[in-house]
């Protein structure tokens, strides 16, 4: 249930942890989402800004005080379209 809600919600400003990724260097990296495009998330990690492809990772969000894991492919929409299209 929470997966469906987070997919349709605003991601900018949320803390995120990368749980799985095609690049093993990204696994278990945490930060704050500061920007989003159709295919990428920009995550602030410490004092650096890193861009990661949505389709390359599985993300863990804290949503309503619960950990929610979402496959990046479910987020592959422009932020403004995700509310209408995501399932």
Protein backbone atom coordinates (compact mmCIF):
# COMPACT_ATOMS: atom_id res chain seq x y z
CA UNK A 1 0.00 0.00 0.00
CA UNK A 2 2.75 2.47 0.88
CA UNK A 3 4.55 1.74 -2.40
CA UNK A 4 1.56 3.01 -4.35
CA UNK A 5 1.33 6.15 -2.23
CA UNK A 6 5.00 7.10 -2.41
CA UNK A 7 5.10 6.59 -6.17
CA UNK A 8 2.39 9.23 -6.53
CA UNK A 9 3.88 11.65 -4.00
CA UNK A 10 6.56 14.34 -4.13
CA UNK A 11 10.07 12.90 -3.80
CA UNK A 12 12.10 16.10 -3.56
CA UNK A 13 13.10 16.69 0.04
CA UNK A 14 12.79 13.02 1.04
CA UNK A 15 15.65 10.98 2.44
CA UNK A 16 16.49 7.93 0.38
CA UNK A 17 18.78 4.91 0.63
CA UNK A 18 19.83 2.93 -2.42
CA UNK A 19 19.25 -0.75 -1.62
CA UNK A 20 20.14 -2.33 -4.98
CA UNK A 21 21.93 -0.91 -8.00
CA UNK A 22 23.63 -2.05 -11.18
CA UNK A 23 26.72 -0.17 -9.90
CA UNK A 24 27.73 -1.79 -6.58
CA UNK A 25 29.40 1.44 -5.41
CA UNK A 26 25.93 2.98 -4.92
CA UNK A 27 24.52 0.25 -2.66
CA UNK A 28 23.59 1.51 0.85
CA UNK A 29 24.34 5.15 -0.04
CA UNK A 30 21.92 7.54 1.66
CA UNK A 31 21.07 11.15 1.04
CA UNK A 32 18.37 13.70 0.40
CA UNK A 33 16.65 14.04 -2.98
CA UNK A 34 17.12 17.61 -4.20
CA UNK A 35 15.96 17.30 -7.82
CA UNK A 36 14.18 14.88 -10.12
CA UNK A 37 13.80 14.41 -13.85
CA UNK A 38 11.97 11.77 -15.84
CA UNK A 39 14.91 9.35 -15.69
CA UNK A 40 17.10 10.50 -12.79
CA UNK A 41 17.22 11.57 -9.17
CA UNK A 42 19.75 14.09 -7.88
CA UNK A 43 20.77 13.12 -4.36
CA UNK A 44 22.70 15.31 -1.95
CA UNK A 45 25.23 13.11 -0.17
CA UNK A 46 27.14 15.14 2.37
CA UNK A 47 28.35 18.18 0.45
CA UNK A 48 28.19 16.47 -2.96
CA UNK A 49 25.36 16.20 -5.47
CA UNK A 50 25.11 12.89 -7.33
CA UNK A 51 22.77 11.92 -10.16
CA UNK A 52 21.51 8.34 -10.40
CA UNK A 53 19.32 6.73 -13.03
CA UNK A 54 15.94 5.64 -11.73
CA UNK A 55 15.98 2.47 -13.82
CA UNK A 56 19.32 1.32 -12.37
CA UNK A 57 18.37 1.12 -8.71
CA UNK A 58 15.91 0.12 -6.02
CA UNK A 59 15.26 2.82 -3.44
CA UNK A 60 14.21 2.78 0.20
CA UNK A 61 12.15 5.71 1.46
CA UNK A 62 10.82 6.44 4.90
CA UNK A 63 7.14 7.14 4.36
CA UNK A 64 4.69 7.66 7.22
CA UNK A 65 7.41 6.40 9.61
CA UNK A 66 7.71 3.10 7.72
CA UNK A 67 10.48 1.92 5.44
CA UNK A 68 9.19 1.48 1.90
CA UNK A 69 11.19 -0.10 -0.91
CA UNK A 70 10.35 0.98 -4.45
CA UNK A 71 11.88 -0.24 -7.72
CA UNK A 72 13.23 2.69 -9.69
CA UNK A 73 11.38 1.59 -12.81
CA UNK A 74 8.11 2.50 -11.03
CA UNK A 75 9.35 6.10 -10.81
CA UNK A 76 10.16 6.51 -14.52
CA UNK A 77 7.87 9.45 -15.21
CA UNK A 78 8.29 13.17 -15.10
CA UNK A 79 7.43 14.22 -11.56
CA UNK A 80 4.31 16.07 -12.67
CA UNK A 81 3.05 13.05 -14.68
CA UNK A 82 3.75 10.40 -12.06
CA UNK A 83 0.61 11.31 -10.11
CA UNK A 84 -1.57 10.53 -13.11
CA UNK A 85 0.25 7.51 -14.58
CA UNK A 86 1.88 5.56 -11.76
CA UNK A 87 0.24 2.38 -10.51
